[in-house]
Amino acid sequence: MNTNASTQSARSSIAFALITGGLIALASLSQQAADQQQLSAADTEYCEMTALWQQDARAGFAENQRTGWPDFRENAATLCTPILSADNHQLALR
């Protein structure tokens, strides 16, 4: 009888360890997804600010009078290219 209790206790411990490990893995994946969203928000802000800078440059404003940011990362041309629909409407930024 004691063997059954020991076996059941061992199974319960293993099940608890598996559930705990699964919850930890799930929490880790959730954090990684949140980090990617933060990067996306930062990239979106960067694209908006560099677009303002470029718009003011085309309008003829001197650098010290422009709003937004210059392309200090030197990647706005590739990062901020619009994604266009089939009929050339902007859907989003890459």
Protein backbone atom coordinates (compact mmCIF):
# COMPACT_ATOMS: atom_id res chain seq x y z
CA MET A 1 0.00 0.00 0.00
CA ASN A 2 2.86 2.33 0.77
CA THR A 3 4.25 1.74 -2.74
CA ASN A 4 1.07 3.08 -4.34
CA ALA A 5 1.22 6.19 -2.18
CA SER A 6 4.87 6.73 -3.11
CA THR A 7 4.13 6.24 -6.80
CA GLN A 8 1.17 8.61 -6.67
CA SER A 9 3.26 11.20 -4.80
CA ALA A 10 6.05 10.92 -7.37
CA ARG A 11 3.56 11.33 -10.22
CA SER A 12 2.05 14.37 -8.53
CA SER A 13 5.50 15.90 -8.12
CA ILE A 14 6.35 15.27 -11.76
CA ALA A 15 3.03 16.72 -12.91
CA PHE A 16 3.58 19.79 -10.73
CA ALA A 17 7.10 20.25 -12.14
CA LEU A 18 5.83 19.94 -15.73
CA ILE A 19 3.02 22.43 -15.15
CA THR A 20 5.38 24.88 -13.45
CA GLY A 21 7.90 24.55 -16.28
CA GLY A 22 5.16 25.11 -18.85
CA LEU A 23 3.98 28.25 -17.09
CA ILE A 24 7.53 29.60 -16.95
CA ALA A 25 8.02 28.93 -20.66
CA LEU A 26 4.71 30.63 -21.46
CA ALA A 27 5.66 33.67 -19.39
CA SER A 28 8.98 33.87 -21.21
CA LEU A 29 7.30 33.77 -24.62
CA SER A 30 4.84 36.47 -23.55
CA GLN A 31 7.73 38.71 -22.48
CA GLN A 32 9.50 38.19 -25.82
CA ALA A 33 6.33 39.21 -27.70
CA ALA A 34 6.03 42.33 -25.55
CA ASP A 35 9.67 43.22 -26.30
CA GLN A 36 8.99 42.92 -30.04
CA GLN A 37 5.98 45.25 -29.72
CA GLN A 38 8.13 47.81 -27.92
CA LEU A 39 10.69 47.68 -30.70
CA SER A 40 7.95 48.10 -33.24
CA ALA A 41 6.62 51.14 -31.40
CA ALA A 42 10.12 52.62 -31.25
CA ASP A 43 10.64 52.01 -34.95
CA THR A 44 7.27 53.58 -35.73
CA GLU A 45 8.19 56.68 -33.74
CA TYR A 46 11.56 56.83 -35.51
CA CYS A 47 9.87 56.64 -38.92
CA GLU A 48 7.35 59.34 -38.02
CA MET A 49 10.01 61.68 -36.70
CA THR A 50 12.38 61.21 -39.66
CA ALA A 51 9.43 61.78 -42.03
CA LEU A 52 8.72 65.11 -40.31
CA TRP A 53 12.39 66.08 -40.69
CA GLN A 54 12.38 65.18 -44.38
CA GLN A 55 9.12 67.05 -44.97
CA ASP A 56 10.54 70.22 -43.41
CA ALA A 57 13.71 69.80 -45.49
CA ARG A 58 11.65 69.63 -48.70
CA ALA A 59 9.76 72.73 -47.57
CA GLY A 60 13.06 74.59 -47.31
CA PHE A 61 13.41 74.91 -43.53
CA ALA A 62 16.94 75.31 -42.15
CA GLU A 63 18.12 72.40 -40.00
CA ASN A 64 17.78 74.37 -36.79
CA GLN A 65 14.12 75.12 -37.62
CA ARG A 66 12.99 71.61 -38.57
CA THR A 67 10.75 69.39 -36.48
CA GLY A 68 11.37 65.68 -36.11
CA TRP A 69 14.72 63.94 -36.25
CA PRO A 70 17.41 63.54 -38.87
CA ASP A 71 18.03 59.95 -39.96
CA PHE A 72 20.74 59.42 -37.34
CA ARG A 73 20.51 55.61 -37.65
CA GLU A 74 20.88 55.94 -41.43
CA ASN A 75 18.24 53.25 -42.01
CA ALA A 76 15.00 55.18 -42.52
CA ALA A 77 15.02 54.47 -46.27
CA THR A 78 14.78 50.72 -45.66
CA LEU A 79 13.02 50.64 -42.27
CA CYS A 80 10.31 53.14 -43.12
CA THR A 81 9.32 52.10 -46.62
CA PRO A 82 5.54 51.89 -46.91
CA ILE A 83 3.70 48.67 -47.60
CA LEU A 84 1.31 49.37 -50.45
CA SER A 85 -1.89 47.61 -51.34
CA ALA A 86 -2.58 46.40 -54.89
CA ASP A 87 -4.17 49.78 -55.72
CA ASN A 88 -1.18 51.74 -54.28
CA HIS A 89 -2.79 52.77 -50.98
CA GLN A 90 -0.43 52.82 -48.03
CA LEU A 91 -1.33 50.09 -45.55
CA ALA A 92 1.52 50.35 -43.04
CA LEU A 93 5.22 50.83 -42.59
CA ARG A 94 7.59 47.86 -42.67
